[in-house]
Amino acid sequence: MPLMSLKQFTLAANEIVGTLPPELLKNLNGGIIVEPSVKEDGDYVVMGEYIEDPGLGSMVVLYYGSFREMLGNAPLDEWREEIEETAIHELRHHIESLAGVDDLSVEEDLELQRDTSL
């Protein structure tokens, strides 16, 4: 199967986000951005990230390069599933931030602790 191009990735991300309830995007004034590069955090490849910046606002970044590294020549349906899962995950960070909670970050920290203890 062919590798999903950056253009195809961007179109798929826009299409997927367009199917989500608009309430999830409320106050996401920086929007959803596709970044061509790979992002790493220690030993982990970061697929997406929720950012709150006083100057730039709140935004979700999807790292195409990270998807490319992790999915490579996987079927395009698998790419789309991962884009959707990552976008929803990052939007959960956004919604939780609006609600003044950070439960997902706590879950992620616990998962990292489990992974490093194995």
PDB file of N, CA and C in Angstrom:
ATOM      1  N   MET A   1       0.836  -1.192   0.000  1.00  0.00           N
ATOM      2  CA  MET A   1       0.000   0.000   0.000  1.00  0.00           C
ATOM      3  C   MET A   1       0.881   1.257   0.000  1.00  0.00           C
ATOM      4  N   PRO A   2       0.428   2.283  -0.650  1.00  0.00           N
ATOM      5  CA  PRO A   2       1.232   3.506  -0.702  1.00  0.00           C
ATOM      6  C   PRO A   2       1.195   4.266   0.626  1.00  0.00           C
ATOM      7  N   LEU A   3       2.264   4.973   0.865  1.00  0.00           N
ATOM      8  CA  LEU A   3       2.372   5.836   2.027  1.00  0.00           C
ATOM      9  C   LEU A   3       1.432   7.021   1.844  1.00  0.00           C
ATOM     10  N   MET A   4       0.712   7.410   2.896  1.00  0.00           N
ATOM     11  CA  MET A   4      -0.164   8.580   2.815  1.00  0.00           C
ATOM     12  C   MET A   4       0.710   9.830   2.720  1.00  0.00           C
ATOM     13  N   SER A   5       0.463  10.648   1.718  1.00  0.00           N
ATOM     14  CA  SER A   5       1.244  11.877   1.542  1.00  0.00           C
ATOM     15  C   SER A   5       0.798  12.933   2.546  1.00  0.00           C
ATOM     16  N   LEU A   6       1.603  13.969   2.688  1.00  0.00           N
ATOM     17  CA  LEU A   6       1.258  15.083   3.569  1.00  0.00           C
ATOM     18  C   LEU A   6      -0.063  15.714   3.128  1.00  0.00           C
ATOM     19  N   LYS A   7      -0.239  15.869   1.827  1.00  0.00           N
ATOM     20  CA  LYS A   7      -1.483  16.459   1.317  1.00  0.00           C
ATOM     21  C   LYS A   7      -2.678  15.570   1.654  1.00  0.00           C
ATOM     22  N   GLN A   8      -2.555  14.264   1.421  1.00  0.00           N
ATOM     23  CA  GLN A   8      -3.634  13.327   1.752  1.00  0.00           C
ATOM     24  C   GLN A   8      -3.922  13.340   3.253  1.00  0.00           C
ATOM     25  N   PHE A   9      -2.859  13.418   4.055  1.00  0.00           N
ATOM     26  CA  PHE A   9      -2.994  13.445   5.510  1.00  0.00           C
ATOM     27  C   PHE A   9      -3.781  14.681   5.940  1.00  0.00           C
ATOM     28  N   THR A  10      -3.422  15.831   5.400  1.00  0.00           N
ATOM     29  CA  THR A  10      -4.087  17.081   5.744  1.00  0.00           C
ATOM     30  C   THR A  10      -5.564  17.034   5.343  1.00  0.00           C
ATOM     31  N   LEU A  11      -5.843  16.535   4.154  1.00  0.00           N
ATOM     32  CA  LEU A  11      -7.231  16.404   3.695  1.00  0.00           C
ATOM     33  C   LEU A  11      -8.007  15.447   4.585  1.00  0.00           C
ATOM     34  N   ALA A  12      -7.402  14.318   4.941  1.00  0.00           N
ATOM     35  CA  ALA A  12      -8.065  13.346   5.818  1.00  0.00           C
ATOM     36  C   ALA A  12      -8.327  13.945   7.192  1.00  0.00           C
ATOM     37  N   ALA A  13      -7.349  14.654   7.745  1.00  0.00           N
ATOM     38  CA  ALA A  13      -7.529  15.281   9.057  1.00  0.00           C
ATOM     39  C   ALA A  13      -8.670  16.291   9.021  1.00  0.00           C
ATOM     40  N   ASN A  14      -8.715  17.120   7.980  1.00  0.00           N
ATOM     41  CA  ASN A  14      -9.796  18.105   7.854  1.00  0.00           C
ATOM     42  C   ASN A  14     -11.150  17.426   7.726  1.00  0.00           C
ATOM     43  N   GLU A  15     -11.212  16.367   6.945  1.00  0.00           N
ATOM     44  CA  GLU A  15     -12.460  15.630   6.765  1.00  0.00           C
ATOM     45  C   GLU A  15     -12.925  15.000   8.073  1.00  0.00           C
ATOM     46  N   ILE A  16     -12.000  14.365   8.775  1.00  0.00           N
ATOM     47  CA  ILE A  16     -12.331  13.703  10.041  1.00  0.00           C
ATOM     48  C   ILE A  16     -12.797  14.722  11.070  1.00  0.00           C
ATOM     49  N   VAL A  17     -12.074  15.812  11.218  1.00  0.00           N
ATOM     50  CA  VAL A  17     -12.452  16.844  12.191  1.00  0.00           C
ATOM     51  C   VAL A  17     -13.806  17.448  11.823  1.00  0.00           C
ATOM     52  N   GLY A  18     -14.086  17.559  10.527  1.00  0.00           N
ATOM     53  CA  GLY A  18     -15.361  18.096  10.075  1.00  0.00           C
ATOM     54  C   GLY A  18     -16.553  17.242  10.452  1.00  0.00           C
ATOM     55  N   THR A  19     -16.326  15.966  10.778  1.00  0.00           N
ATOM     56  CA  THR A  19     -17.417  15.078  11.181  1.00  0.00           C
ATOM     57  C   THR A  19     -17.668  15.094  12.686  1.00  0.00           C
ATOM     58  N   LEU A  20     -16.783  15.733  13.443  1.00  0.00           N
ATOM     59  CA  LEU A  20     -16.914  15.755  14.902  1.00  0.00           C
ATOM     60  C   LEU A  20     -17.908  16.828  15.334  1.00  0.00           C
ATOM     61  N   PRO A  21     -18.528  16.643  16.488  1.00  0.00           N
ATOM     62  CA  PRO A  21     -19.454  17.664  16.987  1.00  0.00           C
ATOM     63  C   PRO A  21     -18.732  18.999  17.166  1.00  0.00           C
ATOM     64  N   PRO A  22     -19.300  20.090  16.666  1.00  0.00           N
ATOM     65  CA  PRO A  22     -18.658  21.399  16.756  1.00  0.00           C
ATOM     66  C   PRO A  22     -18.348  21.831  18.186  1.00  0.00           C
ATOM     67  N   GLU A  23     -19.100  21.308  19.153  1.00  0.00           N
ATOM     68  CA  GLU A  23     -18.866  21.676  20.556  1.00  0.00           C
ATOM     69  C   GLU A  23     -17.454  21.295  21.006  1.00  0.00           C
ATOM     70  N   LEU A  24     -16.894  20.254  20.393  1.00  0.00           N
ATOM     71  CA  LEU A  24     -15.541  19.831  20.774  1.00  0.00           C
ATOM     72  C   LEU A  24     -14.490  20.855  20.367  1.00  0.00           C
ATOM     73  N   LEU A  25     -14.816  21.672  19.375  1.00  0.00           N
ATOM     74  CA  LEU A  25     -13.863  22.655  18.852  1.00  0.00           C
ATOM     75  C   LEU A  25     -14.055  24.047  19.465  1.00  0.00           C
ATOM     76  N   LYS A  26     -15.033  24.178  20.355  1.00  0.00           N
ATOM     77  CA  LYS A  26     -15.318  25.470  20.982  1.00  0.00           C
ATOM     78  C   LYS A  26     -14.061  26.000  21.681  1.00  0.00           C
ATOM     79  N   ASN A  27     -13.753  27.253  21.415  1.00  0.00           N
ATOM     80  CA  ASN A  27     -12.595  27.948  22.003  1.00  0.00           C
ATOM     81  C   ASN A  27     -11.246  27.366  21.579  1.00  0.00           C
ATOM     82  N   LEU A  28     -11.233  26.564  20.549  1.00  0.00           N
ATOM     83  CA  LEU A  28      -9.968  26.066  20.003  1.00  0.00           C
ATOM     84  C   LEU A  28      -9.527  27.093  18.959  1.00  0.00           C
ATOM     85  N   ASN A  29      -9.135  28.272  19.463  1.00  0.00           N
ATOM     86  CA  ASN A  29      -8.916  29.420  18.582  1.00  0.00           C
ATOM     87  C   ASN A  29      -7.653  29.312  17.733  1.00  0.00           C
ATOM     88  N   GLY A  30      -6.761  28.388  18.049  1.00  0.00           N
ATOM     89  CA  GLY A  30      -5.587  28.155  17.213  1.00  0.00           C
ATOM     90  C   GLY A  30      -5.827  27.072  16.178  1.00  0.00           C
ATOM     91  N   GLY A  31      -6.988  26.408  16.279  1.00  0.00           N
ATOM     92  CA  GLY A  31      -7.365  25.396  15.311  1.00  0.00           C
ATOM     93  C   GLY A  31      -6.605  24.092  15.455  1.00  0.00           C
ATOM     94  N   ILE A  32      -6.695  23.296  14.412  1.00  0.00           N
ATOM     95  CA  ILE A  32      -5.969  22.033  14.322  1.00  0.00           C
ATOM     96  C   ILE A  32      -4.952  22.182  13.209  1.00  0.00           C
ATOM     97  N   ILE A  33      -3.708  21.983  13.555  1.00  0.00           N
ATOM     98  CA  ILE A  33      -2.583  22.239  12.657  1.00  0.00           C
ATOM     99  C   ILE A  33      -1.902  20.914  12.320  1.00  0.00           C
ATOM    100  N   VAL A  34      -1.546  20.749  11.058  1.00  0.00           N
ATOM    101  CA  VAL A  34      -0.738  19.599  10.648  1.00  0.00           C
ATOM    102  C   VAL A  34       0.698  20.082  10.510  1.00  0.00           C
ATOM    103  N   GLU A  35       1.564  19.463  11.275  1.00  0.00           N
ATOM    104  CA  GLU A  35       2.999  19.774  11.258  1.00  0.00           C
ATOM    105  C   GLU A  35       3.718  18.649  10.519  1.00  0.00           C
ATOM    106  N   PRO A  36       4.514  18.963   9.503  1.00  0.00           N
ATOM    107  CA  PRO A  36       5.164  17.909   8.710  1.00  0.00           C
ATOM    108  C   PRO A  36       6.202  17.078   9.464  1.00  0.00           C
ATOM    109  N   SER A  37       6.726  17.568  10.567  1.00  0.00           N
ATOM    110  CA  SER A  37       7.859  16.920  11.217  1.00  0.00           C
ATOM    111  C   SER A  37       7.465  15.782  12.159  1.00  0.00           C
ATOM    112  N   VAL A  38       8.480  15.057  12.600  1.00  0.00           N
ATOM    113  CA  VAL A  38       8.355  14.044  13.646  1.00  0.00           C
ATOM    114  C   VAL A  38       8.579  14.757  14.971  1.00  0.00           C
ATOM    115  N   LYS A  39       7.804  14.399  15.982  1.00  0.00           N
ATOM    116  CA  LYS A  39       8.053  14.928  17.329  1.00  0.00           C
ATOM    117  C   LYS A  39       8.329  13.744  18.237  1.00  0.00           C
ATOM    118  N   GLU A  40       9.407  13.859  18.989  1.00  0.00           N
ATOM    119  CA  GLU A  40       9.769  12.814  19.944  1.00  0.00           C
ATOM    120  C   GLU A  40       9.838  13.411  21.336  1.00  0.00           C
ATOM    121  N   ASP A  41       9.515  12.576  22.313  1.00  0.00           N
ATOM    122  CA  ASP A  41       9.612  12.949  23.717  1.00  0.00           C
ATOM    123  C   ASP A  41      10.314  11.789  24.405  1.00  0.00           C
ATOM    124  N   GLY A  42      11.620  11.914  24.535  1.00  0.00           N
ATOM    125  CA  GLY A  42      12.400  10.802  25.077  1.00  0.00           C
ATOM    126  C   GLY A  42      12.371   9.634  24.118  1.00  0.00           C
ATOM    127  N   ASP A  43      11.894   8.502  24.597  1.00  0.00           N
ATOM    128  CA  ASP A  43      11.823   7.288  23.775  1.00  0.00           C
ATOM    129  C   ASP A  43      10.527   7.173  22.989  1.00  0.00           C
ATOM    130  N   TYR A  44       9.643   8.157  23.126  1.00  0.00           N
ATOM    131  CA  TYR A  44       8.314   8.073  22.519  1.00  0.00           C
ATOM    132  C   TYR A  44       8.172   9.008  21.329  1.00  0.00           C
ATOM    133  N   VAL A  45       7.458   8.524  20.316  1.00  0.00           N
ATOM    134  CA  VAL A  45       7.092   9.356  19.173  1.00  0.00           C
ATOM    135  C   VAL A  45       5.729   9.954  19.491  1.00  0.00           C
ATOM    136  N   VAL A  46       5.607  11.263  19.369  1.00  0.00           N
ATOM    137  CA  VAL A  46       4.378  11.981  19.696  1.00  0.00           C
ATOM    138  C   VAL A  46       3.574  12.163  18.411  1.00  0.00           C
ATOM    139  N   MET A  47       2.361  11.637  18.395  1.00  0.00           N
ATOM    140  CA  MET A  47       1.502  11.721  17.216  1.00  0.00           C
ATOM    141  C   MET A  47       0.753  13.051  17.167  1.00  0.00           C
ATOM    142  N   GLY A  48       0.327  13.522  18.325  1.00  0.00           N
ATOM    143  CA  GLY A  48      -0.415  14.769  18.409  1.00  0.00           C
ATOM    144  C   GLY A  48      -0.194  15.424  19.750  1.00  0.00           C
ATOM    145  N   GLU A  49      -0.604  16.682  19.824  1.00  0.00           N
ATOM    146  CA  GLU A  49      -0.346  17.441  21.049  1.00  0.00           C
ATOM    147  C   GLU A  49      -1.389  18.549  21.170  1.00  0.00           C
ATOM    148  N   TYR A  50      -1.852  18.757  22.398  1.00  0.00           N
ATOM    149  CA  TYR A  50      -2.725  19.887  22.696  1.00  0.00           C
ATOM    150  C   TYR A  50      -1.857  20.967  23.319  1.00  0.00           C
ATOM    151  N   ILE A  51      -1.933  22.166  22.784  1.00  0.00           N
ATOM    152  CA  ILE A  51      -1.104  23.270  23.256  1.00  0.00           C
ATOM    153  C   ILE A  51      -1.996  24.428  23.680  1.00  0.00           C
ATOM    154  N   GLU A  52      -1.710  24.961  24.856  1.00  0.00           N
ATOM    155  CA  GLU A  52      -2.338  26.198  25.316  1.00  0.00           C
ATOM    156  C   GLU A  52      -1.233  27.227  25.440  1.00  0.00           C
ATOM    157  N   ASP A  53      -1.315  28.275  24.638  1.00  0.00           N
ATOM    158  CA  ASP A  53      -0.292  29.316  24.623  1.00  0.00           C
ATOM    159  C   ASP A  53      -0.982  30.662  24.813  1.00  0.00           C
ATOM    160  N   PRO A  54      -0.496  31.484  25.747  1.00  0.00           N
ATOM    161  CA  PRO A  54      -1.145  32.773  25.994  1.00  0.00           C
ATOM    162  C   PRO A  54      -1.217  33.663  24.750  1.00  0.00           C
ATOM    163  N   GLY A  55      -0.229  33.574  23.884  1.00  0.00           N
ATOM    164  CA  GLY A  55      -0.213  34.416  22.694  1.00  0.00           C
ATOM    165  C   GLY A  55      -0.889  33.792  21.487  1.00  0.00           C
ATOM    166  N   LEU A  56      -0.706  32.490  21.320  1.00  0.00           N
ATOM    167  CA  LEU A  56      -1.235  31.805  20.137  1.00  0.00           C
ATOM    168  C   LEU A  56      -2.608  31.191  20.359  1.00  0.00           C
ATOM    169  N   GLY A  57      -2.976  30.983  21.595  1.00  0.00           N
ATOM    170  CA  GLY A  57      -4.266  30.382  21.908  1.00  0.00           C
ATOM    171  C   GLY A  57      -4.166  28.885  22.090  1.00  0.00           C
ATOM    172  N   SER A  58      -5.325  28.239  22.049  1.00  0.00           N
ATOM    173  CA  SER A  58      -5.414  26.792  22.217  1.00  0.00           C
ATOM    174  C   SER A  58      -5.455  26.139  20.841  1.00  0.00           C
ATOM    175  N   MET A  59      -4.669  25.068  20.683  1.00  0.00           N
ATOM    176  CA  MET A  59      -4.607  24.399  19.384  1.00  0.00           C
ATOM    177  C   MET A  59      -4.242  22.935  19.554  1.00  0.00           C
ATOM    178  N   VAL A  60      -4.553  22.177  18.523  1.00  0.00           N
ATOM    179  CA  VAL A  60      -4.141  20.782  18.427  1.00  0.00           C
ATOM    180  C   VAL A  60      -3.163  20.690  17.268  1.00  0.00           C
ATOM    181  N   VAL A  61      -2.049  20.001  17.506  1.00  0.00           N
ATOM    182  CA  VAL A  61      -1.055  19.777  16.458  1.00  0.00           C
ATOM    183  C   VAL A  61      -0.996  18.280  16.183  1.00  0.00           C
ATOM    184  N   LEU A  62      -1.131  17.926  14.914  1.00  0.00           N
ATOM    185  CA  LEU A  62      -0.959  16.548  14.471  1.00  0.00           C
ATOM    186  C   LEU A  62       0.365  16.481  13.713  1.00  0.00           C
ATOM    187  N   TYR A  63       1.262  15.590  14.120  1.00  0.00           N
ATOM    188  CA  TYR A  63       2.605  15.502  13.542  1.00  0.00           C
ATOM    189  C   TYR A  63       2.635  14.440  12.441  1.00  0.00           C
ATOM    190  N   TYR A  64       2.508  14.892  11.205  1.00  0.00           N
ATOM    191  CA  TYR A  64       2.503  13.985  10.061  1.00  0.00           C
ATOM    192  C   TYR A  64       3.740  13.086  10.063  1.00  0.00           C
ATOM    193  N   GLY A  65       4.902  13.657  10.339  1.00  0.00           N
ATOM    194  CA  GLY A  65       6.134  12.875  10.346  1.00  0.00           C
ATOM    195  C   GLY A  65       6.098  11.740  11.348  1.00  0.00           C
ATOM    196  N   SER A  66       5.460  11.960  12.472  1.00  0.00           N
ATOM    197  CA  SER A  66       5.322  10.903  13.485  1.00  0.00           C
ATOM    198  C   SER A  66       4.408   9.797  12.982  1.00  0.00           C
ATOM    199  N   PHE A  67       3.304  10.190  12.347  1.00  0.00           N
ATOM    200  CA  PHE A  67       2.407   9.193  11.759  1.00  0.00           C
ATOM    201  C   PHE A  67       3.158   8.383  10.705  1.00  0.00           C
ATOM    202  N   ARG A  68       3.927   9.083   9.868  1.00  0.00           N
ATOM    203  CA  ARG A  68       4.689   8.423   8.807  1.00  0.00           C
ATOM    204  C   ARG A  68       5.672   7.416   9.407  1.00  0.00           C
ATOM    205  N   GLU A  69       6.327   7.809  10.480  1.00  0.00           N
ATOM    206  CA  GLU A  69       7.294   6.922  11.118  1.00  0.00           C
ATOM    207  C   GLU A  69       6.619   5.701  11.738  1.00  0.00           C
ATOM    208  N   MET A  70       5.460   5.913  12.362  1.00  0.00           N
ATOM    209  CA  MET A  70       4.786   4.820  13.056  1.00  0.00           C
ATOM    210  C   MET A  70       3.967   3.925  12.110  1.00  0.00           C
ATOM    211  N   LEU A  71       3.364   4.520  11.066  1.00  0.00           N
ATOM    212  CA  LEU A  71       2.452   3.755  10.216  1.00  0.00           C
ATOM    213  C   LEU A  71       3.051   3.337   8.874  1.00  0.00           C
ATOM    214  N   GLY A  72       4.023   4.105   8.390  1.00  0.00           N
ATOM    215  CA  GLY A  72       4.702   3.753   7.144  1.00  0.00           C
ATOM    216  C   GLY A  72       3.752   3.406   6.017  1.00  0.00           C
ATOM    217  N   ASN A  73       3.848   2.188   5.517  1.00  0.00           N
ATOM    218  CA  ASN A  73       3.041   1.728   4.382  1.00  0.00           C
ATOM    219  C   ASN A  73       1.753   1.020   4.806  1.00  0.00           C
ATOM    220  N   ALA A  74       1.276   1.314   6.003  1.00  0.00           N
ATOM    221  CA  ALA A  74       0.017   0.720   6.468  1.00  0.00           C
ATOM    222  C   ALA A  74      -1.118   1.146   5.543  1.00  0.00           C
ATOM    223  N   PRO A  75      -2.195   0.366   5.501  1.00  0.00           N
ATOM    224  CA  PRO A  75      -3.350   0.744   4.685  1.00  0.00           C
ATOM    225  C   PRO A  75      -3.876   2.134   5.078  1.00  0.00           C
ATOM    226  N   LEU A  76      -4.407   2.847   4.097  1.00  0.00           N
ATOM    227  CA  LEU A  76      -4.894   4.205   4.342  1.00  0.00           C
ATOM    228  C   LEU A  76      -6.005   4.236   5.381  1.00  0.00           C
ATOM    229  N   ASP A  77      -6.808   3.176   5.471  1.00  0.00           N
ATOM    230  CA  ASP A  77      -7.852   3.117   6.505  1.00  0.00           C
ATOM    231  C   ASP A  77      -7.237   3.141   7.901  1.00  0.00           C
ATOM    232  N   GLU A  78      -6.102   2.479   8.047  1.00  0.00           N
ATOM    233  CA  GLU A  78      -5.408   2.469   9.342  1.00  0.00           C
ATOM    234  C   GLU A  78      -4.895   3.876   9.675  1.00  0.00           C
ATOM    235  N   TRP A  79      -4.376   4.581   8.678  1.00  0.00           N
ATOM    236  CA  TRP A  79      -3.941   5.969   8.873  1.00  0.00           C
ATOM    237  C   TRP A  79      -5.123   6.810   9.355  1.00  0.00           C
ATOM    238  N   ARG A  80      -6.267   6.674   8.670  1.00  0.00           N
ATOM    239  CA  ARG A  80      -7.449   7.469   9.015  1.00  0.00           C
ATOM    240  C   ARG A  80      -7.914   7.171  10.444  1.00  0.00           C
ATOM    241  N   GLU A  81      -7.916   5.904  10.817  1.00  0.00           N
ATOM    242  CA  GLU A  81      -8.309   5.526  12.176  1.00  0.00           C
ATOM    243  C   GLU A  81      -7.386   6.181  13.205  1.00  0.00           C
ATOM    244  N   GLU A  82      -6.095   6.160  12.927  1.00  0.00           N
ATOM    245  CA  GLU A  82      -5.120   6.742  13.862  1.00  0.00           C
ATOM    246  C   GLU A  82      -5.260   8.262  13.923  1.00  0.00           C
ATOM    247  N   ILE A  83      -5.527   8.899  12.778  1.00  0.00           N
ATOM    248  CA  ILE A  83      -5.750  10.353  12.769  1.00  0.00           C
ATOM    249  C   ILE A  83      -6.961  10.683  13.635  1.00  0.00           C
ATOM    250  N   GLU A  84      -8.048   9.942  13.447  1.00  0.00           N
ATOM    251  CA  GLU A  84      -9.268  10.196  14.216  1.00  0.00           C
ATOM    252  C   GLU A  84      -9.041   9.972  15.705  1.00  0.00           C
ATOM    253  N   GLU A  85      -8.402   8.869  16.045  1.00  0.00           N
ATOM    254  CA  GLU A  85      -8.131   8.555  17.451  1.00  0.00           C
ATOM    255  C   GLU A  85      -7.259   9.646  18.090  1.00  0.00           C
ATOM    256  N   THR A  86      -6.246  10.084  17.379  1.00  0.00           N
ATOM    257  CA  THR A  86      -5.340  11.105  17.917  1.00  0.00           C
ATOM    258  C   THR A  86      -6.053  12.443  18.054  1.00  0.00           C
ATOM    259  N   ALA A  87      -6.824  12.845  17.058  1.00  0.00           N
ATOM    260  CA  ALA A  87      -7.551  14.117  17.118  1.00  0.00           C
ATOM    261  C   ALA A  87      -8.524  14.115  18.297  1.00  0.00           C
ATOM    262  N   ILE A  88      -9.267  13.034  18.463  1.00  0.00           N
ATOM    263  CA  ILE A  88     -10.225  12.952  19.573  1.00  0.00           C
ATOM    264  C   ILE A  88      -9.492  12.975  20.911  1.00  0.00           C
ATOM    265  N   HIS A  89      -8.382  12.280  20.993  1.00  0.00           N
ATOM    266  CA  HIS A  89      -7.582  12.275  22.222  1.00  0.00           C
ATOM    267  C   HIS A  89      -7.151  13.700  22.588  1.00  0.00           C
ATOM    268  N   GLU A  90      -6.614  14.415  21.608  1.00  0.00           N
ATOM    269  CA  GLU A  90      -6.132  15.778  21.884  1.00  0.00           C
ATOM    270  C   GLU A  90      -7.295  16.728  22.182  1.00  0.00           C
ATOM    271  N   LEU A  91      -8.423  16.517  21.523  1.00  0.00           N
ATOM    272  CA  LEU A  91      -9.593  17.341  21.822  1.00  0.00           C
ATOM    273  C   LEU A  91     -10.124  17.057  23.222  1.00  0.00           C
ATOM    274  N   ARG A  92      -9.922  15.853  23.730  1.00  0.00           N
ATOM    275  CA  ARG A  92     -10.297  15.571  25.123  1.00  0.00           C
ATOM    276  C   ARG A  92      -9.454  16.421  26.069  1.00  0.00           C
ATOM    277  N   HIS A  93      -8.169  16.566  25.765  1.00  0.00           N
ATOM    278  CA  HIS A  93      -7.333  17.472  26.579  1.00  0.00           C
ATOM    279  C   HIS A  93      -7.933  18.874  26.562  1.00  0.00           C
ATOM    280  N   HIS A  94      -8.356  19.332  25.386  1.00  0.00           N
ATOM    281  CA  HIS A  94      -8.926  20.673  25.236  1.00  0.00           C
ATOM    282  C   HIS A  94     -10.202  20.821  26.066  1.00  0.00           C
ATOM    283  N   ILE A  95     -11.122  19.880  25.943  1.00  0.00           N
ATOM    284  CA  ILE A  95     -12.388  19.947  26.673  1.00  0.00           C
ATOM    285  C   ILE A  95     -12.142  19.888  28.175  1.00  0.00           C
ATOM    286  N   GLU A  96     -11.235  19.035  28.593  1.00  0.00           N
ATOM    287  CA  GLU A  96     -10.914  18.951  30.019  1.00  0.00           C
ATOM    288  C   GLU A  96     -10.323  20.259  30.513  1.00  0.00           C
ATOM    289  N   SER A  97      -9.483  20.885  29.704  1.00  0.00           N
ATOM    290  CA  SER A  97      -8.906  22.171  30.082  1.00  0.00           C
ATOM    291  C   SER A  97     -10.002  23.215  30.274  1.00  0.00           C
ATOM    292  N   LEU A  98     -10.969  23.241  29.360  1.00  0.00           N
ATOM    293  CA  LEU A  98     -12.086  24.175  29.490  1.00  0.00           C
ATOM    294  C   LEU A  98     -12.884  23.918  30.766  1.00  0.00           C
ATOM    295  N   ALA A  99     -12.956  22.651  31.168  1.00  0.00           N
ATOM    296  CA  ALA A  99     -13.710  22.267  32.364  1.00  0.00           C
ATOM    297  C   ALA A  99     -12.881  22.412  33.643  1.00  0.00           C
ATOM    298  N   GLY A 100     -11.585  22.727  33.493  1.00  0.00           N
ATOM    299  CA  GLY A 100     -10.731  22.900  34.663  1.00  0.00           C
ATOM    300  C   GLY A 100     -10.268  21.594  35.287  1.00  0.00           C
ATOM    301  N   VAL A 101     -10.250  20.516  34.497  1.00  0.00           N
ATOM    302  CA  VAL A 101      -9.747  19.228  34.981  1.00  0.00           C
ATOM    303  C   VAL A 101      -8.635  18.750  34.058  1.00  0.00           C
ATOM    304  N   ASP A 102      -7.906  17.738  34.505  1.00  0.00           N
ATOM    305  CA  ASP A 102      -6.799  17.212  33.704  1.00  0.00           C
ATOM    306  C   ASP A 102      -6.697  15.699  33.883  1.00  0.00           C
ATOM    307  N   ASP A 103      -7.845  15.028  33.862  1.00  0.00           N
ATOM    308  CA  ASP A 103      -7.883  13.585  34.100  1.00  0.00           C
ATOM    309  C   ASP A 103      -7.089  12.792  33.061  1.00  0.00           C
ATOM    310  N   LEU A 104      -7.138  13.202  31.812  1.00  0.00           N
ATOM    311  CA  LEU A 104      -6.439  12.466  30.756  1.00  0.00           C
ATOM    312  C   LEU A 104      -4.928  12.494  30.980  1.00  0.00           C
ATOM    313  N   SER A 105      -4.397  13.621  31.418  1.00  0.00           N
ATOM    314  CA  SER A 105      -2.955  13.686  31.697  1.00  0.00           C
ATOM    315  C   SER A 105      -2.581  12.748  32.837  1.00  0.00           C
ATOM    316  N   VAL A 106      -3.440  12.642  33.835  1.00  0.00           N
ATOM    317  CA  VAL A 106      -3.200  11.714  34.939  1.00  0.00           C
ATOM    318  C   VAL A 106      -3.190  10.279  34.411  1.00  0.00           C
ATOM    319  N   GLU A 107      -4.171   9.946  33.549  1.00  0.00           N
ATOM    320  CA  GLU A 107      -4.210   8.615  32.937  1.00  0.00           C
ATOM    321  C   GLU A 107      -2.940   8.343  32.138  1.00  0.00           C
ATOM    322  N   GLU A 108      -2.489   9.325  31.376  1.00  0.00           N
ATOM    323  CA  GLU A 108      -1.274   9.157  30.565  1.00  0.00           C
ATOM    324  C   GLU A 108      -0.053   8.933  31.449  1.00  0.00           C
ATOM    325  N   ASP A 109       0.047   9.692  32.537  1.00  0.00           N
ATOM    326  CA  ASP A 109       1.177   9.524  33.461  1.00  0.00           C
ATOM    327  C   ASP A 109       1.185   8.124  34.074  1.00  0.00           C
ATOM    328  N   LEU A 110      -0.001   7.639  34.453  1.00  0.00           N
ATOM    329  CA  LEU A 110      -0.086   6.291  35.022  1.00  0.00           C
ATOM    330  C   LEU A 110       0.310   5.241  33.990  1.00  0.00           C
ATOM    331  N   GLU A 111      -0.104   5.435  32.754  1.00  0.00           N
ATOM    332  CA  GLU A 111       0.255   4.500  31.687  1.00  0.00           C
ATOM    333  C   GLU A 111       1.760   4.496  31.439  1.00  0.00           C
ATOM    334  N   LEU A 112       2.379   5.679  31.445  1.00  0.00           N
ATOM    335  CA  LEU A 112       3.836   5.753  31.281  1.00  0.00           C
ATOM    336  C   LEU A 112       4.565   5.061  32.425  1.00  0.00           C
ATOM    337  N   GLN A 113       4.062   5.232  33.642  1.00  0.00           N
ATOM    338  CA  GLN A 113       4.673   4.571  34.797  1.00  0.00           C
ATOM    339  C   GLN A 113       4.587   3.059  34.667  1.00  0.00           C
ATOM    340  N   ARG A 114       3.431   2.565  34.187  1.00  0.00           N
ATOM    341  CA  ARG A 114       3.269   1.120  33.966  1.00  0.00           C
ATOM    342  C   ARG A 114       4.234   0.621  32.902  1.00  0.00           C
ATOM    343  N   ASP A 115       4.361   1.389  31.805  1.00  0.00           N
ATOM    344  CA  ASP A 115       5.251   0.996  30.714  1.00  0.00           C
ATOM    345  C   ASP A 115       6.700   0.936  31.148  1.00  0.00           C
ATOM    346  N   THR A 116       7.124   1.877  31.966  1.00  0.00           N
ATOM    347  CA  THR A 116       8.523   1.914  32.385  1.00  0.00           C
ATOM    348  C   THR A 116       8.816   0.889  33.470  1.00  0.00           C
ATOM    349  N   SER A 117       7.777   0.395  34.160  1.00  0.00           N
ATOM    350  CA  SER A 117       8.021  -0.602  35.214  1.00  0.00           C
ATOM    351  C   SER A 117       8.037  -2.024  34.670  1.00  0.00           C
ATOM    352  N   LEU A 118       7.658  -2.192  33.407  1.00  0.00           N
ATOM    353  CA  LEU A 118       7.629  -3.554  32.826  1.00  0.00           C
ATOM    354  C   LEU A 118       8.999  -4.036  32.454  1.00  0.00           C
TER     355      LEU A 118
END
